[in-house]
Amino acid sequence: MFRALVVERDDDGQTRSSVQDLPDDRLPEGEVTVAVEYSTLNYKDGLCLTSGGGLVKSYPHVPGIDFAGTVETSDDPRYRPGDEVILTGWHVGERHWGGYATRARVRADWLVPLPDGLTTRQAMAIGTAGLTAMLAVMALEDHGLAPGDGEVLVTGAAGGVGSVAVALLAALGHPVAAVTGRPELEPYLRDLGAARIVPRAELAETVKRPLESETWAGCVDAVGGAMLARILGQMKYRASVAAVGLAGGAALPATVVPFLLRGVNLLGIDSVLRPYADRVRAWERLARDLPMERLEAMIRPARLEELPELGAAILKGEVQGRVVVDPRA
């Protein structure tokens, strides 16, 4: 038997969640069975816990798009019982039962080894959001960003991706400008390493000019929409924006002028289908470069029973930092 948070949908399309004890034969197909020690809460999880957001294809369903734990059984020679592993992406928690359970069964190709220097709890304090932040920082570096280039902007800075991005960039020597609409979070963001706070209202207003003063040496953007369009016109010559989210909308009311006259790069960051080698490189960088004391400051522990309420809250932008879920609690 294993314990899981199960989402069910009735004939009227309404969903409800409950913690249940299920027999092992309910686990989906896969080569590796993992004893889940920690999972976390992401925006996608909020969708899967409520309306489904078009992500969940069949019910009943166990959400949780990431988890870390210890291999119990494996039919794949790459993993043996006792190995500590991480799973993020591959539509787990959406199309495939995920990490909101004490046990998960998945394909071996979807796993990566836990890097030296990280615990499974720390790995899920990082989670999909932190992995995405690291992939964004790596993309900016691959396109030329280096310490000394100037301020790096992080939008949605108090969220999961933003919090890790602020801490990473600051630890790597970049002055970070953190954008937030909640002024009460300034102490939290400064503790993560933000050099200054930019009120969201300063960037939310659209302007007719396609170019403004060159301000940012790089940007990790979790907002999209009109704010991203405005930021593109403020980037320095040949600077890059790593786009990781669309909290402000999927539309991009921009012009091509920043790309043509300043050589600005807009880099799309996907973590779901990322190749294995990229994932391993990113997790090794996180273990090396992310200050663990700053990571600890982001953590809010949670039990399975709390997730339906927290899922609704994250969709409203009301969750700060990283929620770490212990399914055994």
Protein backbone atom coordinates (compact mmCIF):
# COMPACT_ATOMS: atom_id res chain seq x y z
CA MET A 1 0.00 0.00 0.00
CA PHE A 2 1.02 3.59 -0.52
CA ARG A 3 -0.45 6.93 0.54
CA ALA A 4 -1.41 9.50 -2.10
CA LEU A 5 -3.35 12.69 -2.71
CA VAL A 6 -5.94 11.65 -5.29
CA VAL A 7 -7.88 14.13 -7.45
CA GLU A 8 -11.21 12.88 -8.80
CA ARG A 9 -13.67 14.51 -11.21
CA ASP A 10 -17.44 14.00 -11.15
CA ASP A 11 -19.86 13.91 -14.08
CA ASP A 12 -20.38 17.67 -13.80
CA GLY A 13 -16.67 18.37 -14.23
CA GLN A 14 -16.09 19.32 -10.59
CA THR A 15 -12.89 18.07 -8.97
CA ARG A 16 -12.24 17.07 -5.37
CA SER A 17 -9.09 15.89 -3.62
CA SER A 18 -8.56 13.43 -0.78
CA VAL A 19 -5.67 11.56 0.79
CA GLN A 20 -6.12 7.83 0.24
CA ASP A 21 -4.30 4.55 0.88
CA LEU A 22 -3.95 2.68 -2.41
CA PRO A 23 -2.65 -0.79 -3.31
CA ASP A 24 0.63 -0.99 -5.21
CA ASP A 25 -1.10 -2.41 -8.27
CA ARG A 26 -2.62 1.03 -8.85
CA LEU A 27 0.82 2.44 -9.67
CA PRO A 28 1.31 3.21 -13.38
CA GLU A 29 3.74 1.40 -15.65
CA GLY A 30 7.46 2.11 -15.42
CA GLU A 31 10.83 0.45 -14.90
CA VAL A 32 11.68 2.12 -11.57
CA THR A 33 9.71 2.32 -8.32
CA VAL A 34 10.78 5.16 -6.02
CA ALA A 35 10.02 5.73 -2.34
CA VAL A 36 9.12 9.42 -2.51
CA GLU A 37 10.64 11.45 0.31
CA TYR A 38 9.78 14.97 -0.85
CA SER A 39 7.85 16.75 -3.56
CA THR A 40 7.00 20.40 -4.03
CA LEU A 41 4.34 22.80 -5.29
CA ASN A 42 4.47 24.51 -8.69
CA TYR A 43 2.01 26.56 -10.72
CA LYS A 44 1.19 23.49 -12.83
CA ASP A 45 0.43 21.57 -9.64
CA GLY A 46 -2.07 24.27 -8.70
CA LEU A 47 -3.83 23.69 -12.02
CA CYS A 48 -3.80 19.91 -11.61
CA LEU A 49 -5.18 20.21 -8.08
CA THR A 50 -8.10 22.38 -9.20
CA SER A 51 -9.52 22.61 -12.71
CA GLY A 52 -6.84 20.47 -14.32
CA GLY A 53 -5.97 23.32 -16.67
CA GLY A 54 -6.12 20.94 -19.62
CA LEU A 55 -3.03 19.17 -18.27
CA VAL A 56 -4.70 16.15 -16.67
CA LYS A 57 -5.97 13.67 -19.26
CA SER A 58 -7.69 11.09 -17.03
CA TYR A 59 -9.04 10.70 -13.51
CA PRO A 60 -8.54 9.65 -10.76
CA HIS A 61 -5.16 11.33 -10.78
CA VAL A 62 -2.17 11.84 -8.48
CA PRO A 63 -0.52 15.25 -9.14
CA GLY A 64 3.02 16.35 -8.30
CA ILE A 65 5.25 17.29 -11.22
CA ASP A 66 8.48 16.56 -9.37
CA PHE A 67 9.84 14.46 -6.54
CA ALA A 68 13.03 13.16 -4.94
CA GLY A 69 13.52 9.88 -3.16
CA THR A 70 15.19 6.49 -3.04
CA VAL A 71 14.90 3.68 -5.57
CA GLU A 72 13.03 0.65 -4.20
CA THR A 73 13.02 -1.58 -7.29
CA SER A 74 14.43 -1.17 -10.78
CA ASP A 75 14.32 -3.13 -14.03
CA ASP A 76 16.88 -0.76 -15.55
CA PRO A 77 20.63 -1.28 -14.96
CA ARG A 78 21.22 2.47 -14.55
CA TYR A 79 19.45 2.48 -11.19
CA ARG A 80 19.64 0.10 -8.25
CA PRO A 81 17.76 -0.12 -4.94
CA GLY A 82 19.12 2.50 -2.58
CA ASP A 83 20.05 5.03 -5.28
CA GLU A 84 18.82 8.56 -4.57
CA VAL A 85 17.12 10.15 -7.57
CA ILE A 86 15.26 13.25 -8.77
CA LEU A 87 12.42 13.51 -11.24
CA THR A 88 11.22 16.69 -12.92
CA GLY A 89 9.21 17.18 -16.09
CA TRP A 90 8.22 14.59 -18.72
CA HIS A 91 4.54 15.40 -18.00
CA VAL A 92 4.70 13.46 -14.75
CA GLY A 93 1.99 14.79 -12.43
CA GLU A 94 -0.01 15.73 -15.53
CA ARG A 95 -0.45 12.68 -17.81
CA HIS A 96 1.38 10.26 -15.50
CA TRP A 97 0.84 9.88 -11.75
CA GLY A 98 3.27 12.08 -9.87
CA GLY A 99 4.97 12.88 -6.59
CA TYR A 100 2.09 13.57 -4.21
CA ALA A 101 2.41 10.04 -2.87
CA THR A 102 4.75 7.93 -0.78
CA ARG A 103 5.56 5.79 -3.81
CA ALA A 104 5.91 6.48 -7.55
CA ARG A 105 6.63 4.30 -10.56
CA VAL A 106 8.21 5.96 -13.60
CA ARG A 107 10.38 5.38 -16.64
CA ALA A 108 14.10 5.21 -15.95
CA ASP A 109 14.77 7.78 -18.70
CA TRP A 110 12.92 10.38 -16.66
CA LEU A 111 15.22 10.18 -13.62
CA VAL A 112 18.55 11.82 -12.81
CA PRO A 113 20.88 10.89 -9.94
CA LEU A 114 20.84 13.13 -6.88
CA PRO A 115 24.09 15.14 -7.16
CA ASP A 116 26.71 15.02 -4.43
CA GLY A 117 26.17 17.73 -1.87
CA LEU A 118 22.36 17.78 -2.02
CA THR A 119 19.81 16.02 0.18
CA THR A 120 16.46 14.94 -1.23
CA ARG A 121 14.82 17.70 0.82
CA GLN A 122 17.13 20.33 -0.65
CA ALA A 123 16.51 18.94 -4.13
CA MET A 124 12.79 19.57 -3.72
CA ALA A 125 13.33 22.95 -2.14
CA ILE A 126 14.92 23.62 -5.53
CA GLY A 127 12.46 21.48 -7.53
CA THR A 128 11.24 22.18 -11.04
CA ALA A 129 11.17 25.91 -10.31
CA GLY A 130 14.80 25.98 -9.25
CA LEU A 131 15.88 23.77 -12.12
CA THR A 132 14.13 26.16 -14.50
CA ALA A 133 15.90 29.11 -12.86
CA MET A 134 19.28 27.39 -13.29
CA LEU A 135 18.54 26.58 -16.94
CA ALA A 136 17.65 30.25 -17.46
CA VAL A 137 20.88 31.44 -15.85
CA MET A 138 22.90 28.95 -17.92
CA ALA A 139 21.21 30.20 -21.10
CA LEU A 140 22.07 33.82 -20.22
CA GLU A 141 25.67 32.79 -19.55
CA ASP A 142 25.84 30.84 -22.81
CA HIS A 143 24.76 34.05 -24.58
CA GLY A 144 27.47 36.15 -22.97
CA LEU A 145 26.26 37.30 -19.53
CA ALA A 146 29.17 37.69 -17.12
CA PRO A 147 29.69 39.38 -13.75
CA GLY A 148 30.46 43.04 -14.23
CA ASP A 149 28.08 43.49 -17.16
CA GLY A 150 25.51 45.35 -15.08
CA GLU A 151 22.18 44.77 -13.37
CA VAL A 152 20.21 41.61 -14.08
CA LEU A 153 16.44 41.88 -13.78
CA VAL A 154 14.26 39.14 -12.30
CA THR A 155 10.49 39.47 -12.67
CA GLY A 156 8.05 37.58 -10.47
CA ALA A 157 10.96 37.58 -8.05
CA ALA A 158 9.13 36.28 -4.97
CA GLY A 159 7.78 33.20 -6.75
CA GLY A 160 9.49 29.83 -6.96
CA VAL A 161 11.53 30.41 -10.12
CA GLY A 162 12.20 34.03 -9.24
CA SER A 163 13.39 33.32 -5.71
CA VAL A 164 15.97 30.79 -6.86
CA ALA A 165 17.03 33.03 -9.77
CA VAL A 166 17.64 35.95 -7.41
CA ALA A 167 19.72 33.81 -5.04
CA LEU A 168 21.70 32.20 -7.87
CA LEU A 169 22.48 35.39 -9.75
CA ALA A 170 23.51 37.22 -6.59
CA ALA A 171 25.77 34.33 -5.55
CA LEU A 172 27.39 34.39 -9.01
CA GLY A 173 28.30 38.04 -8.59
CA HIS A 174 25.53 39.84 -10.47
CA PRO A 175 23.70 42.87 -9.02
CA VAL A 176 20.06 41.75 -9.07
CA ALA A 177 17.03 44.00 -9.51
CA ALA A 178 14.00 42.09 -8.23
CA VAL A 179 10.53 42.97 -9.51
CA THR A 180 7.56 42.45 -7.20
CA GLY A 181 4.09 43.85 -6.69
CA ARG A 182 4.23 43.14 -2.96
CA PRO A 183 6.38 45.74 -1.16
CA GLU A 184 6.15 43.79 2.11
CA LEU A 185 8.39 41.14 0.53
CA GLU A 186 11.38 43.48 0.19
CA PRO A 187 13.18 42.05 3.27
CA TYR A 188 12.74 38.51 1.92
CA LEU A 189 14.13 39.45 -1.51
CA ARG A 190 17.06 41.37 -0.06
CA ASP A 191 17.91 38.38 2.15
CA LEU A 192 18.06 36.30 -1.05
CA GLY A 193 20.58 38.75 -2.45
CA ALA A 194 18.59 41.37 -4.38
CA ALA A 195 20.52 44.63 -4.68
CA ARG A 196 17.37 46.66 -5.29
CA ILE A 197 13.63 46.24 -5.53
CA VAL A 198 11.69 47.38 -8.59
CA PRO A 199 7.96 47.95 -7.98
CA ARG A 200 5.92 45.99 -10.51
CA ALA A 201 3.97 49.15 -11.41
CA GLU A 202 7.13 50.70 -12.89
CA LEU A 203 7.21 48.05 -15.62
CA ALA A 204 3.52 47.24 -15.96
CA GLU A 205 2.64 50.32 -17.98
CA THR A 206 3.04 49.96 -21.73
CA VAL A 207 4.81 52.65 -23.73
CA LYS A 208 4.65 53.52 -27.42
CA ARG A 209 8.40 53.79 -27.86
CA PRO A 210 9.94 50.48 -28.97
CA LEU A 211 13.25 51.37 -27.30
CA GLU A 212 14.05 52.99 -23.96
CA SER A 213 17.34 53.59 -22.17
CA GLU A 214 19.65 50.58 -22.08
CA THR A 215 19.26 49.34 -18.51
CA TRP A 216 19.50 45.58 -18.02
CA ALA A 217 22.45 43.29 -18.77
CA GLY A 218 20.16 40.26 -18.59
CA CYS A 219 16.73 39.22 -17.41
CA VAL A 220 14.95 36.14 -16.08
CA ASP A 221 11.29 36.77 -16.86
CA ALA A 222 8.47 34.80 -15.26
CA VAL A 223 5.71 37.22 -16.24
CA GLY A 224 5.52 37.55 -20.02
CA GLY A 225 2.80 39.73 -21.54
CA ALA A 226 3.09 43.49 -21.66
CA MET A 227 5.84 43.57 -19.03
CA LEU A 228 8.12 41.38 -21.14
CA ALA A 229 7.42 43.57 -24.18
CA ARG A 230 8.48 46.63 -22.20
CA ILE A 231 11.59 44.95 -20.81
CA LEU A 232 12.79 43.99 -24.29
CA GLY A 233 13.03 47.68 -25.11
CA GLN A 234 15.17 48.30 -22.00
CA MET A 235 17.80 45.63 -22.59
CA LYS A 236 21.42 46.56 -23.23
CA TYR A 237 23.01 45.95 -26.61
CA ARG A 238 23.15 42.18 -27.34
CA ALA A 239 21.73 41.35 -23.90
CA SER A 240 19.33 38.43 -23.41
CA VAL A 241 16.01 37.71 -21.73
CA ALA A 242 15.32 34.15 -20.56
CA ALA A 243 11.55 33.63 -20.66
CA VAL A 244 10.35 31.09 -18.09
CA GLY A 245 6.68 31.92 -17.43
CA LEU A 246 3.51 33.74 -18.39
CA ALA A 247 1.97 34.93 -15.12
CA GLY A 248 1.16 38.21 -16.87
CA GLY A 249 -0.32 36.63 -19.98
CA ALA A 250 0.72 34.68 -23.05
CA ALA A 251 0.38 37.53 -25.55
CA LEU A 252 3.49 39.52 -26.42
CA PRO A 253 2.57 43.03 -27.63
CA ALA A 254 6.09 43.82 -28.80
CA THR A 255 7.92 45.00 -31.93
CA VAL A 256 10.98 43.53 -33.60
CA VAL A 257 12.93 46.76 -33.08
CA PRO A 258 14.92 45.61 -29.98
CA PHE A 259 16.02 42.50 -31.88
CA LEU A 260 17.07 44.42 -34.98
CA LEU A 261 18.65 47.57 -33.54
CA ARG A 262 20.15 46.21 -30.31
CA GLY A 263 20.58 42.53 -31.13
CA VAL A 264 18.53 41.54 -28.09
CA ASN A 265 17.96 37.80 -27.60
CA LEU A 266 14.71 36.28 -26.33
CA LEU A 267 15.51 32.80 -25.02
CA GLY A 268 12.74 30.30 -24.35
CA ILE A 269 13.38 28.01 -21.37
CA ASP A 270 11.72 24.59 -21.32
CA SER A 271 12.34 22.17 -18.46
CA VAL A 272 9.76 19.48 -19.29
CA LEU A 273 11.51 17.72 -22.19
CA ARG A 274 15.04 18.91 -21.49
CA PRO A 275 17.72 16.36 -22.51
CA TYR A 276 19.38 14.29 -19.80
CA ALA A 277 22.82 15.91 -20.15
CA ASP A 278 21.38 19.40 -19.65
CA ARG A 279 19.52 18.26 -16.54
CA VAL A 280 22.62 16.69 -15.00
CA ARG A 281 24.68 19.81 -15.74
CA ALA A 282 22.01 22.07 -14.21
CA TRP A 283 21.67 19.96 -11.04
CA GLU A 284 25.44 19.89 -10.60
CA ARG A 285 25.54 23.68 -10.94
CA LEU A 286 22.72 24.04 -8.40
CA ALA A 287 24.57 21.84 -5.90
CA ARG A 288 27.70 23.98 -6.39
CA ASP A 289 26.39 27.53 -6.88
CA LEU A 290 23.14 27.91 -4.92
CA PRO A 291 23.78 29.07 -1.34
CA MET A 292 22.06 26.51 0.87
CA GLU A 293 21.38 29.02 3.64
CA ARG A 294 19.42 31.15 1.19
CA LEU A 295 17.62 28.06 -0.06
CA GLU A 296 16.54 27.23 3.49
CA ALA A 297 15.05 30.72 3.85
CA MET A 298 12.69 29.99 0.93
CA ILE A 299 11.19 26.79 2.37
CA ARG A 300 7.64 26.41 3.64
CA PRO A 301 6.94 22.77 4.66
CA ALA A 302 3.59 21.18 3.84
CA ARG A 303 1.64 17.93 4.18
CA LEU A 304 -0.49 16.29 1.49
CA GLU A 305 -3.67 17.46 3.22
CA GLU A 306 -2.65 21.12 2.82
CA LEU A 307 -2.06 20.97 -0.93
CA PRO A 308 -5.58 21.67 -2.26
CA GLU A 309 -5.64 25.00 -0.40
CA LEU A 310 -2.06 25.82 -1.33
CA GLY A 311 -2.75 24.88 -4.96
CA ALA A 312 -5.52 27.47 -5.13
CA ALA A 313 -3.24 30.03 -3.48
CA ILE A 314 -0.36 29.56 -5.92
CA LEU A 315 -2.72 30.25 -8.84
CA LYS A 316 -3.51 33.62 -7.22
CA GLY A 317 0.17 34.48 -6.78
CA GLU A 318 -0.12 34.18 -3.00
CA VAL A 319 2.63 31.60 -2.38
CA GLN A 320 6.08 32.90 -1.47
CA GLY A 321 9.26 30.92 -2.06
CA ARG A 322 9.26 27.13 -2.18
CA VAL A 323 6.68 24.76 -0.69
CA VAL A 324 8.34 21.44 0.21
CA VAL A 325 5.90 18.54 0.57
CA ASP A 326 6.60 15.50 2.76
CA PRO A 327 4.06 12.83 1.71
CA ARG A 328 4.98 10.74 4.74
CA ALA A 329 3.97 13.43 7.26
